[in-house]
């Protein structure tokens, strides 16, 4: 199976998922729209991000086939996530929700 066929297969799964979500009612529209935009490339980035939370970055680099560890480091969001969570929790003006 060629690359374009795999891409189209994955896009079809996401489109069908979005259609099913929309059938559940208007409360699911935002999720459906988000899923509809997803792609194989998005899944790759999502997998890299989740792997970087719990695995050695060199293993993530090898799993993703990157030649340079600097490329893989874009998947590290742990410090940003911690800072965001802390800011949300301690924000005095109540703009952010915990």
PDB file of N, CA and C in Angstrom:
ATOM      1  N   UNK A   1       0.847  -1.168   0.000  1.00  0.00           N
ATOM      2  CA  UNK A   1       0.000   0.000   0.000  1.00  0.00           C
ATOM      3  C   UNK A   1       0.894   1.233   0.000  1.00  0.00           C
ATOM      4  N   UNK A   2       0.601   2.158  -0.857  1.00  0.00           N
ATOM      5  CA  UNK A   2       1.401   3.371  -0.968  1.00  0.00           C
ATOM      6  C   UNK A   2       1.087   4.393   0.108  1.00  0.00           C
ATOM      7  N   UNK A   3       1.970   5.366   0.217  1.00  0.00           N
ATOM      8  CA  UNK A   3       1.836   6.424   1.223  1.00  0.00           C
ATOM      9  C   UNK A   3       0.515   7.194   1.077  1.00  0.00           C
ATOM     10  N   UNK A   4       0.141   7.522  -0.149  1.00  0.00           N
ATOM     11  CA  UNK A   4      -1.103   8.285  -0.355  1.00  0.00           C
ATOM     12  C   UNK A   4      -2.334   7.457  -0.003  1.00  0.00           C
ATOM     13  N   UNK A   5      -2.284   6.167  -0.248  1.00  0.00           N
ATOM     14  CA  UNK A   5      -3.414   5.298   0.110  1.00  0.00           C
ATOM     15  C   UNK A   5      -3.575   5.214   1.625  1.00  0.00           C
ATOM     16  N   UNK A   6      -2.459   5.109   2.339  1.00  0.00           N
ATOM     17  CA  UNK A   6      -2.508   5.080   3.811  1.00  0.00           C
ATOM     18  C   UNK A   6      -3.043   6.408   4.332  1.00  0.00           C
ATOM     19  N   UNK A   7      -2.557   7.506   3.751  1.00  0.00           N
ATOM     20  CA  UNK A   7      -3.034   8.833   4.146  1.00  0.00           C
ATOM     21  C   UNK A   7      -4.545   8.940   3.965  1.00  0.00           C
ATOM     22  N   UNK A   8      -5.035   8.516   2.827  1.00  0.00           N
ATOM     23  CA  UNK A   8      -6.478   8.615   2.544  1.00  0.00           C
ATOM     24  C   UNK A   8      -7.281   7.709   3.468  1.00  0.00           C
ATOM     25  N   UNK A   9      -6.776   6.546   3.762  1.00  0.00           N
ATOM     26  CA  UNK A   9      -7.448   5.628   4.692  1.00  0.00           C
ATOM     27  C   UNK A   9      -7.585   6.276   6.074  1.00  0.00           C
ATOM     28  N   UNK A  10      -6.516   6.860   6.556  1.00  0.00           N
ATOM     29  CA  UNK A  10      -6.546   7.519   7.862  1.00  0.00           C
ATOM     30  C   UNK A  10      -7.485   8.715   7.852  1.00  0.00           C
ATOM     31  N   UNK A  11      -7.425   9.529   6.802  1.00  0.00           N
ATOM     32  CA  UNK A  11      -8.329  10.681   6.706  1.00  0.00           C
ATOM     33  C   UNK A  11      -9.790  10.232   6.689  1.00  0.00           C
ATOM     34  N   UNK A  12     -10.073   9.122   6.026  1.00  0.00           N
ATOM     35  CA  UNK A  12     -11.449   8.601   6.005  1.00  0.00           C
ATOM     36  C   UNK A  12     -11.911   8.192   7.397  1.00  0.00           C
ATOM     37  N   UNK A  13     -11.036   7.565   8.154  1.00  0.00           N
ATOM     38  CA  UNK A  13     -11.385   7.181   9.527  1.00  0.00           C
ATOM     39  C   UNK A  13     -11.723   8.426  10.342  1.00  0.00           C
ATOM     40  N   UNK A  14     -10.920   9.470  10.212  1.00  0.00           N
ATOM     41  CA  UNK A  14     -11.193  10.705  10.943  1.00  0.00           C
ATOM     42  C   UNK A  14     -12.487  11.374  10.472  1.00  0.00           C
ATOM     43  N   UNK A  15     -12.744  11.367   9.166  1.00  0.00           N
ATOM     44  CA  UNK A  15     -13.987  11.953   8.656  1.00  0.00           C
ATOM     45  C   UNK A  15     -15.206  11.193   9.174  1.00  0.00           C
ATOM     46  N   UNK A  16     -15.135   9.861   9.151  1.00  0.00           N
ATOM     47  CA  UNK A  16     -16.248   9.044   9.649  1.00  0.00           C
ATOM     48  C   UNK A  16     -16.452   9.248  11.147  1.00  0.00           C
ATOM     49  N   UNK A  17     -15.364   9.389  11.866  1.00  0.00           N
ATOM     50  CA  UNK A  17     -15.462   9.653  13.305  1.00  0.00           C
ATOM     51  C   UNK A  17     -16.135  10.998  13.549  1.00  0.00           C
ATOM     52  N   UNK A  18     -15.768  12.006  12.786  1.00  0.00           N
ATOM     53  CA  UNK A  18     -16.392  13.327  12.914  1.00  0.00           C
ATOM     54  C   UNK A  18     -17.887  13.254  12.605  1.00  0.00           C
ATOM     55  N   UNK A  19     -18.252  12.515  11.582  1.00  0.00           N
ATOM     56  CA  UNK A  19     -19.670  12.350  11.234  1.00  0.00           C
ATOM     57  C   UNK A  19     -20.436  11.705  12.378  1.00  0.00           C
ATOM     58  N   UNK A  20     -19.844  10.682  12.988  1.00  0.00           N
ATOM     59  CA  UNK A  20     -20.501  10.007  14.122  1.00  0.00           C
ATOM     60  C   UNK A  20     -20.616  10.929  15.333  1.00  0.00           C
ATOM     61  N   UNK A  21     -19.602  11.728  15.562  1.00  0.00           N
ATOM     62  CA  UNK A  21     -19.666  12.676  16.666  1.00  0.00           C
ATOM     63  C   UNK A  21     -20.771  13.703  16.441  1.00  0.00           C
ATOM     64  N   UNK A  22     -20.880  14.209  15.224  1.00  0.00           N
ATOM     65  CA  UNK A  22     -21.925  15.188  14.915  1.00  0.00           C
ATOM     66  C   UNK A  22     -23.324  14.593  15.085  1.00  0.00           C
ATOM     67  N   UNK A  23     -23.444  13.310  14.824  1.00  0.00           N
ATOM     68  CA  UNK A  23     -24.743  12.639  14.987  1.00  0.00           C
ATOM     69  C   UNK A  23     -25.164  12.599  16.456  1.00  0.00           C
ATOM     70  N   UNK A  24     -24.217  12.763  17.363  1.00  0.00           N
ATOM     71  CA  UNK A  24     -24.535  12.765  18.793  1.00  0.00           C
ATOM     72  C   UNK A  24     -25.138  14.093  19.250  1.00  0.00           C
ATOM     73  N   UNK A  25     -25.058  15.105  18.409  1.00  0.00           N
ATOM     74  CA  UNK A  25     -25.668  16.388  18.738  1.00  0.00           C
ATOM     75  C   UNK A  25     -24.678  17.538  18.713  1.00  0.00           C
ATOM     76  N   UNK A  26     -25.229  18.748  18.835  1.00  0.00           N
ATOM     77  CA  UNK A  26     -24.403  19.959  18.714  1.00  0.00           C
ATOM     78  C   UNK A  26     -23.323  20.095  19.780  1.00  0.00           C
ATOM     79  N   UNK A  27     -23.486  19.448  20.920  1.00  0.00           N
ATOM     80  CA  UNK A  27     -22.463  19.517  21.968  1.00  0.00           C
ATOM     81  C   UNK A  27     -21.141  18.890  21.522  1.00  0.00           C
ATOM     82  N   UNK A  28     -21.170  18.102  20.461  1.00  0.00           N
ATOM     83  CA  UNK A  28     -19.985  17.392  19.998  1.00  0.00           C
ATOM     84  C   UNK A  28     -19.355  18.029  18.755  1.00  0.00           C
ATOM     85  N   UNK A  29     -19.871  19.171  18.340  1.00  0.00           N
ATOM     86  CA  UNK A  29     -19.377  19.815  17.116  1.00  0.00           C
ATOM     87  C   UNK A  29     -17.906  20.205  17.209  1.00  0.00           C
ATOM     88  N   UNK A  30     -17.496  20.790  18.307  1.00  0.00           N
ATOM     89  CA  UNK A  30     -16.093  21.226  18.436  1.00  0.00           C
ATOM     90  C   UNK A  30     -15.141  20.032  18.351  1.00  0.00           C
ATOM     91  N   UNK A  31     -15.504  18.959  19.005  1.00  0.00           N
ATOM     92  CA  UNK A  31     -14.665  17.760  18.946  1.00  0.00           C
ATOM     93  C   UNK A  31     -14.645  17.186  17.539  1.00  0.00           C
ATOM     94  N   UNK A  32     -15.794  17.169  16.897  1.00  0.00           N
ATOM     95  CA  UNK A  32     -15.881  16.659  15.524  1.00  0.00           C
ATOM     96  C   UNK A  32     -15.003  17.483  14.585  1.00  0.00           C
ATOM     97  N   UNK A  33     -15.056  18.796  14.723  1.00  0.00           N
ATOM     98  CA  UNK A  33     -14.235  19.666  13.871  1.00  0.00           C
ATOM     99  C   UNK A  33     -12.751  19.426  14.113  1.00  0.00           C
ATOM    100  N   UNK A  34     -12.381  19.203  15.369  1.00  0.00           N
ATOM    101  CA  UNK A  34     -10.985  18.936  15.707  1.00  0.00           C
ATOM    102  C   UNK A  34     -10.528  17.610  15.101  1.00  0.00           C
ATOM    103  N   UNK A  35     -11.326  16.577  15.263  1.00  0.00           N
ATOM    104  CA  UNK A  35     -10.988  15.247  14.734  1.00  0.00           C
ATOM    105  C   UNK A  35     -10.906  15.280  13.211  1.00  0.00           C
ATOM    106  N   UNK A  36     -11.779  16.033  12.596  1.00  0.00           N
ATOM    107  CA  UNK A  36     -11.817  16.111  11.134  1.00  0.00           C
ATOM    108  C   UNK A  36     -10.519  16.676  10.556  1.00  0.00           C
ATOM    109  N   UNK A  37      -9.822  17.507  11.329  1.00  0.00           N
ATOM    110  CA  UNK A  37      -8.561  18.102  10.875  1.00  0.00           C
ATOM    111  C   UNK A  37      -7.366  17.175  11.084  1.00  0.00           C
ATOM    112  N   UNK A  38      -7.553  16.111  11.849  1.00  0.00           N
ATOM    113  CA  UNK A  38      -6.448  15.218  12.190  1.00  0.00           C
ATOM    114  C   UNK A  38      -5.910  14.498  10.956  1.00  0.00           C
ATOM    115  N   UNK A  39      -4.663  14.038  11.076  1.00  0.00           N
ATOM    116  CA  UNK A  39      -4.001  13.357   9.964  1.00  0.00           C
ATOM    117  C   UNK A  39      -2.973  12.378  10.523  1.00  0.00           C
ATOM    118  N   UNK A  40      -2.356  11.629   9.653  1.00  0.00           N
ATOM    119  CA  UNK A  40      -1.290  10.720  10.069  1.00  0.00           C
ATOM    120  C   UNK A  40      -0.138  11.520  10.683  1.00  0.00           C
ATOM    121  N   UNK A  41       0.158  12.671  10.129  1.00  0.00           N
ATOM    122  CA  UNK A  41       1.225  13.523  10.646  1.00  0.00           C
ATOM    123  C   UNK A  41       0.888  13.995  12.067  1.00  0.00           C
ATOM    124  N   UNK A  42      -0.357  14.357  12.293  1.00  0.00           N
ATOM    125  CA  UNK A  42      -0.812  14.748  13.622  1.00  0.00           C
ATOM    126  C   UNK A  42      -0.640  13.588  14.606  1.00  0.00           C
ATOM    127  N   UNK A  43      -0.991  12.376  14.172  1.00  0.00           N
ATOM    128  CA  UNK A  43      -0.832  11.206  15.042  1.00  0.00           C
ATOM    129  C   UNK A  43       0.638  10.988  15.378  1.00  0.00           C
ATOM    130  N   UNK A  44       1.511  11.213  14.417  1.00  0.00           N
ATOM    131  CA  UNK A  44       2.954  11.067  14.647  1.00  0.00           C
ATOM    132  C   UNK A  44       3.425  12.055  15.713  1.00  0.00           C
ATOM    133  N   UNK A  45       3.010  13.313  15.584  1.00  0.00           N
ATOM    134  CA  UNK A  45       3.391  14.322  16.565  1.00  0.00           C
ATOM    135  C   UNK A  45       2.802  14.017  17.939  1.00  0.00           C
ATOM    136  N   UNK A  46       1.564  13.569  17.971  1.00  0.00           N
ATOM    137  CA  UNK A  46       0.929  13.211  19.238  1.00  0.00           C
ATOM    138  C   UNK A  46       1.677  12.064  19.906  1.00  0.00           C
ATOM    139  N   UNK A  47       2.029  11.056  19.138  1.00  0.00           N
ATOM    140  CA  UNK A  47       2.777   9.923  19.678  1.00  0.00           C
ATOM    141  C   UNK A  47       4.133  10.387  20.213  1.00  0.00           C
ATOM    142  N   UNK A  48       4.827  11.234  19.467  1.00  0.00           N
ATOM    143  CA  UNK A  48       6.121  11.744  19.913  1.00  0.00           C
ATOM    144  C   UNK A  48       6.008  12.542  21.196  1.00  0.00           C
ATOM    145  N   UNK A  49       4.967  13.342  21.304  1.00  0.00           N
ATOM    146  CA  UNK A  49       4.747  14.134  22.514  1.00  0.00           C
ATOM    147  C   UNK A  49       4.504  13.233  23.718  1.00  0.00           C
ATOM    148  N   UNK A  50       3.637  12.248  23.565  1.00  0.00           N
ATOM    149  CA  UNK A  50       3.345  11.336  24.679  1.00  0.00           C
ATOM    150  C   UNK A  50       4.567  10.489  25.042  1.00  0.00           C
ATOM    151  N   UNK A  51       5.309  10.052  24.057  1.00  0.00           N
ATOM    152  CA  UNK A  51       6.513   9.278  24.339  1.00  0.00           C
ATOM    153  C   UNK A  51       7.526  10.125  25.106  1.00  0.00           C
ATOM    154  N   UNK A  52       7.657  11.392  24.740  1.00  0.00           N
ATOM    155  CA  UNK A  52       8.655  12.248  25.388  1.00  0.00           C
ATOM    156  C   UNK A  52       8.327  12.506  26.851  1.00  0.00           C
ATOM    157  N   UNK A  53       7.080  12.295  27.248  1.00  0.00           N
ATOM    158  CA  UNK A  53       6.701  12.460  28.655  1.00  0.00           C
ATOM    159  C   UNK A  53       7.268  11.344  29.527  1.00  0.00           C
ATOM    160  N   UNK A  54       7.459  10.160  28.962  1.00  0.00           N
ATOM    161  CA  UNK A  54       7.802   8.994  29.773  1.00  0.00           C
ATOM    162  C   UNK A  54       9.020   8.212  29.313  1.00  0.00           C
ATOM    163  N   UNK A  55       9.630   8.617  28.213  1.00  0.00           N
ATOM    164  CA  UNK A  55      10.738   7.841  27.655  1.00  0.00           C
ATOM    165  C   UNK A  55      11.975   8.711  27.509  1.00  0.00           C
ATOM    166  N   UNK A  56      13.122   8.068  27.455  1.00  0.00           N
ATOM    167  CA  UNK A  56      14.361   8.753  27.155  1.00  0.00           C
ATOM    168  C   UNK A  56      14.243   9.382  25.771  1.00  0.00           C
ATOM    169  N   UNK A  57      14.676  10.616  25.649  1.00  0.00           N
ATOM    170  CA  UNK A  57      14.534  11.340  24.390  1.00  0.00           C
ATOM    171  C   UNK A  57      15.261  10.656  23.233  1.00  0.00           C
ATOM    172  N   UNK A  58      16.349   9.958  23.528  1.00  0.00           N
ATOM    173  CA  UNK A  58      17.069   9.233  22.476  1.00  0.00           C
ATOM    174  C   UNK A  58      16.203   8.102  21.913  1.00  0.00           C
ATOM    175  N   UNK A  59      15.432   7.440  22.762  1.00  0.00           N
ATOM    176  CA  UNK A  59      14.533   6.384  22.287  1.00  0.00           C
ATOM    177  C   UNK A  59      13.423   6.976  21.423  1.00  0.00           C
ATOM    178  N   UNK A  60      12.903   8.139  21.836  1.00  0.00           N
ATOM    179  CA  UNK A  60      11.869   8.814  21.038  1.00  0.00           C
ATOM    180  C   UNK A  60      12.456   9.212  19.692  1.00  0.00           C
ATOM    181  N   UNK A  61      13.671   9.768  19.705  1.00  0.00           N
ATOM    182  CA  UNK A  61      14.356  10.146  18.459  1.00  0.00           C
ATOM    183  C   UNK A  61      14.450   8.956  17.511  1.00  0.00           C
ATOM    184  N   UNK A  62      14.861   7.811  18.058  1.00  0.00           N
ATOM    185  CA  UNK A  62      15.014   6.622  17.233  1.00  0.00           C
ATOM    186  C   UNK A  62      13.667   6.112  16.725  1.00  0.00           C
ATOM    187  N   UNK A  63      12.645   6.160  17.578  1.00  0.00           N
ATOM    188  CA  UNK A  63      11.306   5.729  17.153  1.00  0.00           C
ATOM    189  C   UNK A  63      10.772   6.580  16.013  1.00  0.00           C
ATOM    190  N   UNK A  64      11.071   7.873  16.067  1.00  0.00           N
ATOM    191  CA  UNK A  64      10.562   8.783  15.043  1.00  0.00           C
ATOM    192  C   UNK A  64      11.486   8.891  13.834  1.00  0.00           C
ATOM    193  N   UNK A  65      12.679   8.303  13.944  1.00  0.00           N
ATOM    194  CA  UNK A  65      13.613   8.308  12.825  1.00  0.00           C
ATOM    195  C   UNK A  65      14.301   9.642  12.600  1.00  0.00           C
ATOM    196  N   UNK A  66      14.448  10.440  13.651  1.00  0.00           N
ATOM    197  CA  UNK A  66      15.137  11.723  13.524  1.00  0.00           C
ATOM    198  C   UNK A  66      16.651  11.507  13.543  1.00  0.00           C
ATOM    199  N   UNK A  67      17.347  12.265  12.736  1.00  0.00           N
ATOM    200  CA  UNK A  67      18.806  12.196  12.715  1.00  0.00           C
ATOM    201  C   UNK A  67      19.414  13.014  13.855  1.00  0.00           C
ATOM    202  N   UNK A  68      18.693  14.057  14.284  1.00  0.00           N
ATOM    203  CA  UNK A  68      19.229  14.991  15.257  1.00  0.00           C
ATOM    204  C   UNK A  68      18.298  15.067  16.463  1.00  0.00           C
ATOM    205  N   UNK A  69      18.860  14.976  17.648  1.00  0.00           N
ATOM    206  CA  UNK A  69      18.072  15.043  18.886  1.00  0.00           C
ATOM    207  C   UNK A  69      17.370  16.396  19.020  1.00  0.00           C
ATOM    208  N   UNK A  70      17.913  17.446  18.415  1.00  0.00           N
ATOM    209  CA  UNK A  70      17.284  18.770  18.473  1.00  0.00           C
ATOM    210  C   UNK A  70      15.908  18.745  17.809  1.00  0.00           C
ATOM    211  N   UNK A  71      15.774  17.975  16.751  1.00  0.00           N
ATOM    212  CA  UNK A  71      14.471  17.842  16.084  1.00  0.00           C
ATOM    213  C   UNK A  71      13.471  17.193  17.028  1.00  0.00           C
ATOM    214  N   UNK A  72      13.897  16.191  17.754  1.00  0.00           N
ATOM    215  CA  UNK A  72      13.025  15.468  18.672  1.00  0.00           C
ATOM    216  C   UNK A  72      12.633  16.330  19.858  1.00  0.00           C
ATOM    217  N   UNK A  73      13.488  17.246  20.254  1.00  0.00           N
ATOM    218  CA  UNK A  73      13.223  18.051  21.447  1.00  0.00           C
ATOM    219  C   UNK A  73      11.988  18.933  21.307  1.00  0.00           C
ATOM    220  N   UNK A  74      11.493  19.144  20.088  1.00  0.00           N
ATOM    221  CA  UNK A  74      10.265  19.939  19.927  1.00  0.00           C
ATOM    222  C   UNK A  74       9.057  19.251  20.552  1.00  0.00           C
ATOM    223  N   UNK A  75       9.176  17.962  20.852  1.00  0.00           N
ATOM    224  CA  UNK A  75       8.068  17.215  21.430  1.00  0.00           C
ATOM    225  C   UNK A  75       7.994  17.358  22.947  1.00  0.00           C
ATOM    226  N   UNK A  76       8.977  17.970  23.542  1.00  0.00           N
ATOM    227  CA  UNK A  76       9.012  18.088  24.999  1.00  0.00           C
ATOM    228  C   UNK A  76       8.165  19.281  25.421  1.00  0.00           C
ATOM    229  N   UNK A  77       7.053  18.973  26.072  1.00  0.00           N
ATOM    230  CA  UNK A  77       6.143  20.017  26.541  1.00  0.00           C
ATOM    231  C   UNK A  77       5.994  19.989  28.059  1.00  0.00           C
ATOM    232  N   UNK A  78       6.707  19.108  28.726  1.00  0.00           N
ATOM    233  CA  UNK A  78       6.514  18.889  30.160  1.00  0.00           C
ATOM    234  C   UNK A  78       6.672  20.172  30.958  1.00  0.00           C
ATOM    235  N   UNK A  79       7.763  20.912  30.740  1.00  0.00           N
ATOM    236  CA  UNK A  79       7.993  22.139  31.509  1.00  0.00           C
ATOM    237  C   UNK A  79       6.927  23.181  31.200  1.00  0.00           C
ATOM    238  N   UNK A  80       6.547  23.325  29.934  1.00  0.00           N
ATOM    239  CA  UNK A  80       5.499  24.277  29.568  1.00  0.00           C
ATOM    240  C   UNK A  80       4.177  23.896  30.223  1.00  0.00           C
ATOM    241  N   UNK A  81       3.866  22.605  30.240  1.00  0.00           N
ATOM    242  CA  UNK A  81       2.621  22.138  30.850  1.00  0.00           C
ATOM    243  C   UNK A  81       2.614  22.412  32.347  1.00  0.00           C
ATOM    244  N   UNK A  82       3.737  22.152  33.018  1.00  0.00           N
ATOM    245  CA  UNK A  82       3.824  22.409  34.463  1.00  0.00           C
ATOM    246  C   UNK A  82       3.648  23.897  34.752  1.00  0.00           C
ATOM    247  N   UNK A  83       4.307  24.749  33.970  1.00  0.00           N
ATOM    248  CA  UNK A  83       4.196  26.192  34.159  1.00  0.00           C
ATOM    249  C   UNK A  83       2.761  26.655  33.944  1.00  0.00           C
ATOM    250  N   UNK A  84       2.109  26.142  32.926  1.00  0.00           N
ATOM    251  CA  UNK A  84       0.718  26.507  32.652  1.00  0.00           C
ATOM    252  C   UNK A  84      -0.187  26.079  33.800  1.00  0.00           C
ATOM    253  N   UNK A  85      -0.020  24.849  34.276  1.00  0.00           N
ATOM    254  CA  UNK A  85      -0.848  24.343  35.374  1.00  0.00           C
ATOM    255  C   UNK A  85      -0.657  25.181  36.634  1.00  0.00           C
ATOM    256  N   UNK A  86       0.596  25.521  36.928  1.00  0.00           N
ATOM    257  CA  UNK A  86       0.887  26.319  38.110  1.00  0.00           C
ATOM    258  C   UNK A  86       0.295  27.717  37.976  1.00  0.00           C
ATOM    259  N   UNK A  87       0.423  28.321  36.812  1.00  0.00           N
ATOM    260  CA  UNK A  87      -0.134  29.649  36.576  1.00  0.00           C
ATOM    261  C   UNK A  87      -1.651  29.619  36.702  1.00  0.00           C
ATOM    262  N   UNK A  88      -2.282  28.629  36.123  1.00  0.00           N
ATOM    263  CA  UNK A  88      -3.738  28.508  36.193  1.00  0.00           C
ATOM    264  C   UNK A  88      -4.214  28.377  37.635  1.00  0.00           C
ATOM    265  N   UNK A  89      -3.477  27.600  38.411  1.00  0.00           N
ATOM    266  CA  UNK A  89      -3.855  27.351  39.808  1.00  0.00           C
ATOM    267  C   UNK A  89      -3.702  28.607  40.663  1.00  0.00           C
ATOM    268  N   UNK A  90      -2.641  29.367  40.426  1.00  0.00           N
ATOM    269  CA  UNK A  90      -2.307  30.491  41.299  1.00  0.00           C
ATOM    270  C   UNK A  90      -2.729  31.851  40.766  1.00  0.00           C
ATOM    271  N   UNK A  91      -3.311  31.911  39.605  1.00  0.00           N
ATOM    272  CA  UNK A  91      -3.680  33.195  38.998  1.00  0.00           C
ATOM    273  C   UNK A  91      -4.695  33.902  39.863  1.00  0.00           C
ATOM    274  N   UNK A  92      -4.391  35.132  40.259  1.00  0.00           N
ATOM    275  CA  UNK A  92      -5.216  35.870  41.223  1.00  0.00           C
ATOM    276  C   UNK A  92      -6.445  36.536  40.596  1.00  0.00           C
ATOM    277  N   UNK A  93      -6.429  36.792  39.294  1.00  0.00           N
ATOM    278  CA  UNK A  93      -7.542  37.490  38.661  1.00  0.00           C
ATOM    279  C   UNK A  93      -8.657  36.551  38.213  1.00  0.00           C
ATOM    280  N   UNK A  94      -8.419  35.268  38.288  1.00  0.00           N
ATOM    281  CA  UNK A  94      -9.455  34.303  37.933  1.00  0.00           C
ATOM    282  C   UNK A  94      -9.724  34.201  36.448  1.00  0.00           C
ATOM    283  N   UNK A  95      -8.781  34.625  35.625  1.00  0.00           N
ATOM    284  CA  UNK A  95      -8.973  34.520  34.173  1.00  0.00           C
ATOM    285  C   UNK A  95      -8.868  33.106  33.673  1.00  0.00           C
ATOM    286  N   UNK A  96      -8.051  32.324  34.340  1.00  0.00           N
ATOM    287  CA  UNK A  96      -7.818  30.957  33.889  1.00  0.00           C
ATOM    288  C   UNK A  96      -8.548  30.014  34.830  1.00  0.00           C
ATOM    289  N   UNK A  97      -9.028  28.922  34.254  1.00  0.00           N
ATOM    290  CA  UNK A  97      -9.741  27.940  35.061  1.00  0.00           C
ATOM    291  C   UNK A  97      -8.799  26.828  35.452  1.00  0.00           C
ATOM    292  N   UNK A  98      -8.907  26.339  36.707  1.00  0.00           N
ATOM    293  CA  UNK A  98      -8.023  25.241  37.140  1.00  0.00           C
ATOM    294  C   UNK A  98      -8.294  23.959  36.393  1.00  0.00           C
TER     295      UNK A  98
END
